[in-house]
């Protein structure tokens, strides 16, 4: 696998080596020793999966404090535009974001460390999105930032009037009112 650090320190795009033949393909999706060599130790404890249709936008979500989560995300069917927003006040990239296309074709993965809000927009008719986390879901620690906050200037390639999102995500605070990490 090739580990490429993005413009934000600690956020990586991971591109696996894919071996194709007449039967299909084979790839290693995750290998602890390689992951630790490039990124460092992260103890993943849970895998999650969601299925969504075109125009669904999930996010921007995070968990606060000691219950925050590092995530390793990928798409096993379809295509999404995935975004990580730096919420670490002490970071030189505080408030900046990284955007990457993840699909069943490019097989990229995206590592998002603790201290980031995360979300994705489905670009295909349907997407199955899977991710590893290093902390379980904790409702008392959940938080978010509004996906269309002008201060973040995320260029989602969709007419905002056609976005499908949850009521909860529509009511998330603006970036300026969010809870940050130290």
N, C-alpha and C. Protein backbone atom coordinates (compact mmCIF):
# COMPACT_ATOMS: atom_id res chain seq x y z
N UNK A 1 0.84 -1.18 0.00
CA UNK A 1 0.00 0.00 0.00
C UNK A 1 0.88 1.24 0.00
N UNK A 2 0.35 2.28 -0.60
CA UNK A 2 1.06 3.55 -0.63
C UNK A 2 0.33 4.53 0.30
N UNK A 3 1.06 5.08 1.25
CA UNK A 3 0.52 6.02 2.23
C UNK A 3 0.94 7.43 1.83
N UNK A 4 -0.05 8.28 1.54
CA UNK A 4 0.25 9.65 1.10
C UNK A 4 -0.33 10.63 2.11
N UNK A 5 0.55 11.35 2.81
CA UNK A 5 0.07 12.35 3.76
C UNK A 5 -0.48 13.53 2.97
N UNK A 6 -1.61 14.06 3.39
CA UNK A 6 -2.25 15.18 2.70
C UNK A 6 -1.65 16.49 3.19
N UNK A 7 -2.24 17.60 2.76
CA UNK A 7 -1.78 18.93 3.18
C UNK A 7 -1.99 19.16 4.67
N UNK A 8 -2.82 18.32 5.30
CA UNK A 8 -3.05 18.43 6.75
C UNK A 8 -2.33 17.27 7.42
N UNK A 9 -1.40 17.62 8.30
CA UNK A 9 -0.59 16.62 8.98
C UNK A 9 -1.46 15.60 9.71
N UNK A 10 -1.14 14.32 9.49
CA UNK A 10 -1.85 13.24 10.15
C UNK A 10 -2.99 12.65 9.35
N UNK A 11 -3.41 13.33 8.29
CA UNK A 11 -4.50 12.84 7.43
C UNK A 11 -3.85 12.19 6.20
N UNK A 12 -4.22 10.94 5.94
CA UNK A 12 -3.60 10.18 4.87
C UNK A 12 -4.60 9.64 3.87
N UNK A 13 -4.18 9.59 2.62
CA UNK A 13 -4.87 8.81 1.58
C UNK A 13 -4.02 7.56 1.39
N UNK A 14 -4.68 6.42 1.44
CA UNK A 14 -3.99 5.15 1.33
C UNK A 14 -4.46 4.45 0.06
N UNK A 15 -3.51 4.11 -0.79
CA UNK A 15 -3.83 3.44 -2.05
C UNK A 15 -3.26 2.03 -2.03
N UNK A 16 -4.14 1.03 -2.01
CA UNK A 16 -3.66 -0.36 -1.96
C UNK A 16 -3.16 -0.82 -3.32
N UNK A 17 -2.33 -1.85 -3.28
CA UNK A 17 -1.93 -2.52 -4.51
C UNK A 17 -3.02 -3.52 -4.85
N UNK A 18 -3.55 -3.42 -6.04
CA UNK A 18 -4.64 -4.29 -6.47
C UNK A 18 -4.11 -5.23 -7.55
N UNK A 19 -4.36 -6.51 -7.35
CA UNK A 19 -3.91 -7.54 -8.29
C UNK A 19 -5.14 -8.06 -9.04
N UNK A 20 -5.23 -7.72 -10.31
CA UNK A 20 -6.36 -8.12 -11.16
C UNK A 20 -5.98 -9.31 -12.03
N UNK A 21 -6.94 -10.19 -12.24
CA UNK A 21 -6.78 -11.25 -13.23
C UNK A 21 -8.17 -11.64 -13.72
N UNK A 22 -8.25 -12.71 -14.48
CA UNK A 22 -9.52 -13.13 -15.09
C UNK A 22 -10.59 -13.45 -14.04
N UNK A 23 -10.19 -13.79 -12.83
CA UNK A 23 -11.14 -14.15 -11.78
C UNK A 23 -11.72 -12.94 -11.07
N UNK A 24 -11.04 -11.80 -11.17
CA UNK A 24 -11.45 -10.60 -10.42
C UNK A 24 -10.22 -9.87 -9.90
N UNK A 25 -10.20 -9.58 -8.60
CA UNK A 25 -9.05 -8.90 -8.03
C UNK A 25 -8.81 -9.38 -6.61
N UNK A 26 -7.60 -9.06 -6.11
CA UNK A 26 -7.22 -9.28 -4.72
C UNK A 26 -6.46 -8.06 -4.25
N UNK A 27 -6.69 -7.67 -2.99
CA UNK A 27 -5.92 -6.59 -2.38
C UNK A 27 -5.92 -6.77 -0.87
N UNK A 28 -4.90 -6.25 -0.23
CA UNK A 28 -4.90 -6.15 1.22
C UNK A 28 -5.57 -4.83 1.56
N UNK A 29 -6.65 -4.88 2.33
CA UNK A 29 -7.37 -3.65 2.68
C UNK A 29 -6.77 -2.96 3.90
N UNK A 30 -6.13 -3.72 4.76
CA UNK A 30 -5.52 -3.14 5.96
C UNK A 30 -4.51 -4.13 6.51
N UNK A 31 -3.36 -3.61 6.89
CA UNK A 31 -2.30 -4.43 7.46
C UNK A 31 -1.69 -3.65 8.61
N UNK A 32 -1.88 -4.16 9.82
CA UNK A 32 -1.49 -3.44 11.02
C UNK A 32 -0.02 -2.99 11.00
N UNK A 33 0.90 -3.87 10.63
CA UNK A 33 2.33 -3.53 10.64
C UNK A 33 2.63 -2.36 9.71
N UNK A 34 2.09 -2.37 8.51
CA UNK A 34 2.30 -1.27 7.57
C UNK A 34 1.67 0.01 8.07
N UNK A 35 0.45 -0.10 8.59
CA UNK A 35 -0.27 1.07 9.11
C UNK A 35 0.55 1.73 10.21
N UNK A 36 1.05 0.94 11.14
CA UNK A 36 1.85 1.49 12.24
C UNK A 36 3.15 2.10 11.75
N UNK A 37 3.76 1.52 10.72
CA UNK A 37 5.01 2.06 10.18
C UNK A 37 4.81 3.47 9.62
N UNK A 38 3.71 3.70 8.92
CA UNK A 38 3.48 4.99 8.26
C UNK A 38 2.69 5.98 9.11
N UNK A 39 1.71 5.50 9.84
CA UNK A 39 0.81 6.40 10.56
C UNK A 39 1.04 6.35 12.06
N UNK A 40 1.34 5.18 12.58
CA UNK A 40 1.52 5.00 14.01
C UNK A 40 0.47 4.06 14.56
N UNK A 41 0.59 3.74 15.84
CA UNK A 41 -0.36 2.79 16.41
C UNK A 41 -1.75 3.39 16.59
N UNK A 42 -2.74 2.72 16.07
CA UNK A 42 -4.16 3.05 16.28
C UNK A 42 -4.84 1.72 16.54
N UNK A 43 -5.52 1.63 17.65
CA UNK A 43 -6.18 0.37 18.00
C UNK A 43 -7.64 0.44 17.56
N UNK A 44 -7.92 -0.06 16.37
CA UNK A 44 -9.30 -0.08 15.87
C UNK A 44 -10.09 -1.14 16.63
N UNK A 45 -11.30 -0.78 17.04
CA UNK A 45 -12.11 -1.69 17.85
C UNK A 45 -13.45 -2.06 17.21
N UNK A 46 -13.80 -1.37 16.13
CA UNK A 46 -15.13 -1.58 15.56
C UNK A 46 -15.13 -1.22 14.08
N UNK A 47 -15.88 -1.97 13.29
CA UNK A 47 -16.12 -1.65 11.88
C UNK A 47 -17.58 -1.26 11.73
N UNK A 48 -17.84 -0.20 10.98
CA UNK A 48 -19.20 0.27 10.70
C UNK A 48 -19.42 0.30 9.19
N UNK A 49 -20.69 0.25 8.79
CA UNK A 49 -21.03 0.28 7.36
C UNK A 49 -22.34 1.02 7.19
N UNK A 50 -22.42 1.81 6.12
CA UNK A 50 -23.69 2.48 5.78
C UNK A 50 -23.94 2.33 4.29
N UNK A 51 -25.22 2.41 3.95
CA UNK A 51 -25.63 2.37 2.55
C UNK A 51 -26.45 3.64 2.30
N UNK A 52 -26.15 4.33 1.22
CA UNK A 52 -26.82 5.60 0.92
C UNK A 52 -27.01 5.72 -0.58
N UNK A 53 -27.92 6.61 -0.98
CA UNK A 53 -28.18 6.84 -2.39
C UNK A 53 -27.61 8.19 -2.83
N UNK A 54 -27.63 8.42 -4.14
CA UNK A 54 -27.07 9.64 -4.73
C UNK A 54 -27.65 10.88 -4.04
N UNK A 55 -26.75 11.82 -3.73
CA UNK A 55 -27.16 13.08 -3.14
C UNK A 55 -27.26 13.07 -1.62
N UNK A 56 -27.06 11.91 -1.00
CA UNK A 56 -27.06 11.85 0.47
C UNK A 56 -25.75 12.44 0.97
N UNK A 57 -25.87 13.32 1.94
CA UNK A 57 -24.71 13.91 2.58
C UNK A 57 -24.79 13.58 4.07
N UNK A 58 -23.79 12.87 4.55
CA UNK A 58 -23.71 12.52 5.97
C UNK A 58 -22.56 13.31 6.58
N UNK A 59 -22.87 14.11 7.58
CA UNK A 59 -21.81 14.86 8.25
C UNK A 59 -22.14 16.32 8.36
N UNK A 60 -21.27 17.00 8.91
CA UNK A 60 -19.91 16.73 9.34
C UNK A 60 -19.95 16.34 10.83
N UNK A 61 -19.53 15.12 11.15
CA UNK A 61 -19.67 14.57 12.49
C UNK A 61 -18.33 14.38 13.17
N UNK A 62 -18.37 14.37 14.50
CA UNK A 62 -17.23 13.99 15.32
C UNK A 62 -17.70 13.70 16.73
N UNK A 63 -16.82 13.09 17.51
CA UNK A 63 -17.07 12.89 18.93
C UNK A 63 -16.05 13.70 19.70
N UNK A 64 -16.48 14.24 20.85
CA UNK A 64 -15.65 15.16 21.64
C UNK A 64 -14.81 14.42 22.68
N UNK A 65 -13.73 15.10 23.06
CA UNK A 65 -12.92 14.69 24.20
C UNK A 65 -12.28 13.32 24.08
N UNK A 66 -12.23 12.62 25.21
CA UNK A 66 -11.61 11.30 25.26
C UNK A 66 -12.36 10.27 24.42
N UNK A 67 -13.57 10.59 24.03
CA UNK A 67 -14.38 9.67 23.22
C UNK A 67 -14.26 9.97 21.73
N UNK A 68 -13.36 10.88 21.36
CA UNK A 68 -13.17 11.18 19.93
C UNK A 68 -12.71 9.92 19.20
N UNK A 69 -12.85 9.94 17.89
CA UNK A 69 -12.56 8.75 17.10
C UNK A 69 -11.58 9.05 15.96
N UNK A 70 -10.63 8.15 15.79
CA UNK A 70 -9.86 8.09 14.55
C UNK A 70 -10.63 7.15 13.64
N UNK A 71 -10.60 7.42 12.33
CA UNK A 71 -11.37 6.61 11.38
C UNK A 71 -10.50 6.24 10.18
N UNK A 72 -10.70 5.03 9.71
CA UNK A 72 -10.12 4.60 8.44
C UNK A 72 -11.31 4.23 7.56
N UNK A 73 -11.57 5.03 6.53
CA UNK A 73 -12.80 4.90 5.75
C UNK A 73 -12.49 4.45 4.31
N UNK A 74 -13.48 3.77 3.72
CA UNK A 74 -13.38 3.38 2.31
C UNK A 74 -14.77 3.06 1.77
N UNK A 75 -14.85 2.97 0.46
CA UNK A 75 -16.10 2.66 -0.22
C UNK A 75 -15.95 1.29 -0.88
N UNK A 76 -16.91 0.39 -0.62
CA UNK A 76 -16.83 -0.92 -1.25
C UNK A 76 -17.78 -1.06 -2.43
N UNK A 77 -18.72 -0.09 -2.55
CA UNK A 77 -19.58 -0.03 -3.73
C UNK A 77 -19.95 1.42 -3.97
N UNK A 78 -19.77 1.88 -5.21
CA UNK A 78 -20.15 3.24 -5.55
C UNK A 78 -19.02 4.24 -5.41
N UNK A 79 -19.41 5.50 -5.20
CA UNK A 79 -18.44 6.60 -5.18
C UNK A 79 -18.93 7.70 -4.25
N UNK A 80 -18.04 8.22 -3.41
CA UNK A 80 -18.37 9.34 -2.52
C UNK A 80 -17.26 10.37 -2.58
N UNK A 81 -17.61 11.57 -2.16
CA UNK A 81 -16.64 12.62 -1.93
C UNK A 81 -16.53 12.74 -0.42
N UNK A 82 -15.37 12.45 0.12
CA UNK A 82 -15.16 12.38 1.56
C UNK A 82 -14.37 13.61 2.03
N UNK A 83 -14.76 14.14 3.19
CA UNK A 83 -14.16 15.38 3.69
C UNK A 83 -13.79 15.24 5.17
N UNK A 84 -12.61 15.74 5.52
CA UNK A 84 -12.16 15.83 6.91
C UNK A 84 -11.82 17.29 7.19
N UNK A 85 -12.36 17.84 8.29
CA UNK A 85 -12.14 19.24 8.68
C UNK A 85 -11.35 19.26 9.98
N UNK A 86 -10.24 19.97 9.99
CA UNK A 86 -9.37 20.07 11.16
C UNK A 86 -10.01 20.94 12.24
N UNK A 87 -10.30 20.34 13.40
CA UNK A 87 -10.89 21.06 14.53
C UNK A 87 -9.90 21.25 15.68
N UNK A 88 -8.63 21.04 15.43
CA UNK A 88 -7.60 21.15 16.46
C UNK A 88 -7.12 22.60 16.53
N UNK A 89 -7.50 23.30 17.60
CA UNK A 89 -7.17 24.72 17.72
C UNK A 89 -5.67 25.00 17.64
N UNK A 90 -4.86 24.08 18.10
CA UNK A 90 -3.41 24.29 18.10
C UNK A 90 -2.76 23.95 16.76
N UNK A 91 -3.53 23.48 15.81
CA UNK A 91 -2.99 23.06 14.52
C UNK A 91 -2.81 24.25 13.58
N UNK A 92 -1.74 24.27 12.80
CA UNK A 92 -1.58 25.34 11.80
C UNK A 92 -2.62 25.26 10.68
N UNK A 93 -3.32 24.13 10.58
CA UNK A 93 -4.35 23.96 9.56
C UNK A 93 -5.76 23.97 10.17
N UNK A 94 -5.89 24.54 11.36
CA UNK A 94 -7.19 24.62 12.03
C UNK A 94 -8.23 25.26 11.09
N UNK A 95 -9.36 24.59 10.94
CA UNK A 95 -10.44 25.10 10.08
C UNK A 95 -10.31 24.73 8.62
N UNK A 96 -9.19 24.14 8.22
CA UNK A 96 -9.00 23.72 6.83
C UNK A 96 -9.54 22.30 6.65
N UNK A 97 -9.74 21.93 5.39
CA UNK A 97 -10.27 20.60 5.11
C UNK A 97 -9.50 19.92 3.98
N UNK A 98 -9.64 18.61 3.96
CA UNK A 98 -9.12 17.78 2.88
C UNK A 98 -10.31 17.05 2.28
N UNK A 99 -10.35 16.98 0.97
CA UNK A 99 -11.43 16.31 0.25
C UNK A 99 -10.82 15.27 -0.67
N UNK A 100 -11.39 14.07 -0.69
CA UNK A 100 -10.88 13.00 -1.54
C UNK A 100 -12.05 12.17 -2.07
N UNK A 101 -11.94 11.74 -3.32
CA UNK A 101 -12.94 10.85 -3.89
C UNK A 101 -12.55 9.41 -3.56
N UNK A 102 -13.51 8.69 -2.99
CA UNK A 102 -13.32 7.29 -2.66
C UNK A 102 -14.33 6.49 -3.47
N UNK A 103 -13.89 5.39 -4.07
CA UNK A 103 -14.82 4.60 -4.87
C UNK A 103 -14.42 3.14 -4.88
N UNK A 104 -15.34 2.31 -5.36
CA UNK A 104 -15.02 0.89 -5.53
C UNK A 104 -14.02 0.70 -6.65
N UNK A 105 -13.88 1.68 -7.53
CA UNK A 105 -12.92 1.58 -8.62
C UNK A 105 -11.51 1.96 -8.18
N UNK A 106 -11.35 3.10 -7.48
CA UNK A 106 -10.00 3.53 -7.09
C UNK A 106 -9.52 2.85 -5.80
N UNK A 107 -10.43 2.30 -5.03
CA UNK A 107 -10.13 1.52 -3.83
C UNK A 107 -9.30 2.29 -2.80
N UNK A 108 -9.29 3.60 -2.91
CA UNK A 108 -8.57 4.43 -1.93
C UNK A 108 -9.22 4.30 -0.56
N UNK A 109 -8.39 4.54 0.45
CA UNK A 109 -8.85 4.66 1.81
C UNK A 109 -8.40 6.02 2.34
N UNK A 110 -9.06 6.48 3.38
CA UNK A 110 -8.79 7.80 3.93
C UNK A 110 -8.67 7.64 5.43
N UNK A 111 -7.52 8.02 5.98
CA UNK A 111 -7.34 7.97 7.44
C UNK A 111 -7.54 9.36 8.01
N UNK A 112 -8.44 9.44 8.98
CA UNK A 112 -8.78 10.70 9.64
C UNK A 112 -8.48 10.53 11.12
N UNK A 113 -7.49 11.24 11.65
CA UNK A 113 -7.17 11.08 13.06
C UNK A 113 -8.19 11.76 13.97
N UNK A 114 -8.05 11.56 15.25
CA UNK A 114 -8.90 12.25 16.22
C UNK A 114 -8.71 13.75 16.06
N UNK A 115 -9.76 14.51 16.34
CA UNK A 115 -9.66 15.96 16.24
C UNK A 115 -10.22 16.54 14.95
N UNK A 116 -10.94 15.72 14.20
CA UNK A 116 -11.48 16.15 12.91
C UNK A 116 -12.98 15.89 12.84
N UNK A 117 -13.69 16.77 12.13
CA UNK A 117 -15.06 16.49 11.73
C UNK A 117 -14.98 15.75 10.40
N UNK A 118 -15.95 14.88 10.16
CA UNK A 118 -15.91 14.04 8.97
C UNK A 118 -17.29 13.96 8.33
N UNK A 119 -17.32 13.93 7.00
CA UNK A 119 -18.57 13.75 6.29
C UNK A 119 -18.31 13.30 4.87
N UNK A 120 -19.39 12.87 4.20
CA UNK A 120 -19.25 12.46 2.81
C UNK A 120 -20.54 12.68 2.05
N UNK A 121 -20.38 12.90 0.74
CA UNK A 121 -21.48 13.08 -0.21
C UNK A 121 -21.44 11.93 -1.20
N UNK A 122 -22.59 11.28 -1.42
CA UNK A 122 -22.67 10.16 -2.36
C UNK A 122 -22.82 10.70 -3.78
N UNK A 123 -21.91 10.29 -4.66
CA UNK A 123 -21.90 10.74 -6.05
C UNK A 123 -22.49 9.70 -7.01
N UNK A 124 -22.56 8.45 -6.59
CA UNK A 124 -23.09 7.37 -7.43
C UNK A 124 -24.56 7.10 -7.08
N UNK A 125 -25.21 6.25 -7.85
CA UNK A 125 -26.61 5.92 -7.56
C UNK A 125 -26.77 5.33 -6.16
N UNK A 126 -25.76 4.59 -5.74
CA UNK A 126 -25.78 3.98 -4.41
C UNK A 126 -24.34 3.84 -3.95
N UNK A 127 -24.11 3.92 -2.65
CA UNK A 127 -22.76 3.73 -2.11
C UNK A 127 -22.85 2.92 -0.82
N UNK A 128 -21.91 2.00 -0.70
CA UNK A 128 -21.73 1.29 0.57
C UNK A 128 -20.38 1.75 1.10
N UNK A 129 -20.45 2.35 2.27
CA UNK A 129 -19.33 3.03 2.91
C UNK A 129 -18.99 2.26 4.18
N UNK A 130 -17.72 1.96 4.38
CA UNK A 130 -17.32 1.20 5.56
C UNK A 130 -16.15 1.90 6.23
N UNK A 131 -16.09 1.76 7.55
CA UNK A 131 -15.00 2.40 8.26
C UNK A 131 -14.71 1.74 9.59
N UNK A 132 -13.42 1.82 9.95
CA UNK A 132 -12.93 1.34 11.23
C UNK A 132 -12.85 2.55 12.16
N UNK A 133 -13.13 2.33 13.45
CA UNK A 133 -12.98 3.39 14.46
C UNK A 133 -12.22 2.85 15.65
N UNK A 134 -11.59 3.77 16.39
CA UNK A 134 -10.81 3.36 17.55
C UNK A 134 -11.52 3.65 18.88
N UNK A 135 -12.77 4.10 18.82
CA UNK A 135 -13.61 4.31 19.99
C UNK A 135 -15.05 4.00 19.57
N UNK A 136 -15.85 3.44 20.45
CA UNK A 136 -17.24 3.17 20.07
C UNK A 136 -18.06 4.45 19.98
N UNK A 137 -19.20 4.35 19.32
CA UNK A 137 -20.12 5.48 19.27
C UNK A 137 -20.59 5.81 20.68
N UNK A 138 -20.56 7.09 21.03
CA UNK A 138 -20.97 7.54 22.35
C UNK A 138 -21.91 8.74 22.17
N UNK A 139 -23.22 8.54 22.31
CA UNK A 139 -24.17 9.62 22.06
C UNK A 139 -23.91 10.88 22.88
N UNK A 140 -23.40 10.72 24.10
CA UNK A 140 -23.14 11.88 24.95
C UNK A 140 -21.96 12.73 24.45
N UNK A 141 -21.17 12.17 23.54
CA UNK A 141 -20.00 12.89 23.03
C UNK A 141 -20.19 13.34 21.59
N UNK A 142 -21.32 13.03 20.96
CA UNK A 142 -21.48 13.37 19.55
C UNK A 142 -21.61 14.87 19.35
N UNK A 143 -21.07 15.32 18.23
CA UNK A 143 -21.10 16.73 17.87
C UNK A 143 -21.00 16.84 16.35
N UNK A 144 -21.15 18.05 15.86
CA UNK A 144 -21.06 18.24 14.42
C UNK A 144 -20.88 19.69 14.05
N UNK A 145 -20.65 19.89 12.78
CA UNK A 145 -20.52 21.20 12.17
C UNK A 145 -21.40 21.18 10.92
N UNK A 146 -22.05 22.28 10.63
CA UNK A 146 -22.93 22.34 9.47
C UNK A 146 -22.15 22.10 8.19
N UNK A 147 -22.66 21.21 7.36
CA UNK A 147 -21.98 20.77 6.14
C UNK A 147 -21.77 21.90 5.13
N UNK A 148 -22.65 22.91 5.15
CA UNK A 148 -22.59 23.99 4.17
C UNK A 148 -22.17 25.32 4.78
N UNK A 149 -21.43 25.28 5.86
CA UNK A 149 -20.96 26.50 6.53
C UNK A 149 -20.07 27.29 5.56
N UNK A 150 -20.43 28.54 5.26
CA UNK A 150 -19.63 29.33 4.32
C UNK A 150 -18.19 29.55 4.78
N UNK A 151 -17.95 29.59 6.08
CA UNK A 151 -16.59 29.79 6.58
C UNK A 151 -15.68 28.64 6.19
N UNK A 152 -16.21 27.43 6.13
CA UNK A 152 -15.40 26.28 5.75
C UNK A 152 -15.13 26.23 4.26
N UNK A 153 -16.01 26.80 3.47
CA UNK A 153 -15.85 26.91 2.01
C UNK A 153 -15.60 25.54 1.35
N UNK A 154 -16.33 24.53 1.78
CA UNK A 154 -16.23 23.22 1.15
C UNK A 154 -17.03 23.27 -0.15
N UNK A 155 -16.40 22.94 -1.25
CA UNK A 155 -17.06 22.99 -2.55
C UNK A 155 -17.69 21.64 -2.88
N UNK A 156 -18.85 21.41 -2.28
CA UNK A 156 -19.60 20.19 -2.56
C UNK A 156 -20.15 20.30 -3.99
N UNK A 157 -19.96 19.30 -4.84
CA UNK A 157 -20.42 19.38 -6.23
C UNK A 157 -21.88 18.97 -6.37
N UNK A 158 -22.76 19.72 -5.72
CA UNK A 158 -24.18 19.40 -5.76
C UNK A 158 -24.97 20.66 -5.48
N UNK A 159 -26.14 20.76 -6.06
CA UNK A 159 -27.05 21.86 -5.77
C UNK A 159 -27.52 21.68 -4.33
N UNK A 160 -27.27 22.65 -3.43
CA UNK A 160 -27.67 22.50 -2.03
C UNK A 160 -29.15 22.17 -1.84
N UNK A 161 -29.98 22.58 -2.77
CA UNK A 161 -31.42 22.30 -2.66
C UNK A 161 -31.74 20.83 -2.87
N UNK A 162 -30.82 20.08 -3.47
CA UNK A 162 -31.08 18.66 -3.74
C UNK A 162 -30.40 17.72 -2.74
N UNK A 163 -29.62 18.27 -1.81
CA UNK A 163 -28.94 17.44 -0.82
C UNK A 163 -29.95 16.73 0.06
N UNK A 164 -29.71 15.45 0.30
CA UNK A 164 -30.51 14.67 1.25
C UNK A 164 -29.67 14.47 2.50
N UNK A 165 -30.14 15.01 3.62
CA UNK A 165 -29.41 14.87 4.87
C UNK A 165 -30.40 14.72 6.01
N UNK A 166 -29.92 14.46 7.18
CA UNK A 166 -30.80 14.26 8.33
C UNK A 166 -31.20 15.59 8.95
N UNK A 167 -32.29 15.57 9.69
CA UNK A 167 -32.71 16.77 10.43
C UNK A 167 -31.62 17.21 11.38
N UNK A 168 -30.98 16.25 12.03
CA UNK A 168 -29.90 16.55 12.97
C UNK A 168 -28.76 17.29 12.26
N UNK A 169 -28.40 16.84 11.05
CA UNK A 169 -27.31 17.50 10.34
C UNK A 169 -27.69 18.90 9.87
N UNK A 170 -28.96 19.11 9.59
CA UNK A 170 -29.42 20.45 9.20
C UNK A 170 -29.32 21.45 10.35
N UNK A 171 -29.33 20.94 11.57
CA UNK A 171 -29.32 21.79 12.77
C UNK A 171 -27.95 21.89 13.43
N UNK A 172 -26.93 21.33 12.82
CA UNK A 172 -25.59 21.40 13.41
C UNK A 172 -25.14 22.85 13.49
N UNK A 173 -24.28 23.18 14.47
CA UNK A 173 -23.81 24.56 14.59
C UNK A 173 -22.85 24.94 13.47
N UNK A 174 -22.71 26.23 13.27
CA UNK A 174 -21.69 26.73 12.36
C UNK A 174 -20.31 26.47 12.96
N UNK A 175 -19.30 26.51 12.14
CA UNK A 175 -17.93 26.25 12.58
C UNK A 175 -17.56 27.17 13.74
N UNK A 176 -17.89 28.44 13.64
CA UNK A 176 -17.51 29.40 14.70
C UNK A 176 -18.12 29.06 16.05
N UNK A 177 -19.21 28.29 16.07
CA UNK A 177 -19.90 27.94 17.31
C UNK A 177 -19.64 26.49 17.75
N UNK A 178 -18.83 25.77 17.00
CA UNK A 178 -18.56 24.37 17.30
C UNK A 178 -17.61 24.23 18.49
N UNK A 179 -17.59 23.04 19.06
CA UNK A 179 -16.63 22.72 20.11
C UNK A 179 -15.38 22.17 19.44
N UNK A 180 -14.23 22.74 19.80
CA UNK A 180 -12.96 22.37 19.17
C UNK A 180 -12.13 21.49 20.09
N UNK A 181 -11.06 20.97 19.53
CA UNK A 181 -10.06 20.20 20.28
C UNK A 181 -8.90 21.12 20.59
N UNK A 182 -8.24 20.88 21.68
CA UNK A 182 -7.05 21.69 22.05
C UNK A 182 -5.85 21.29 21.24
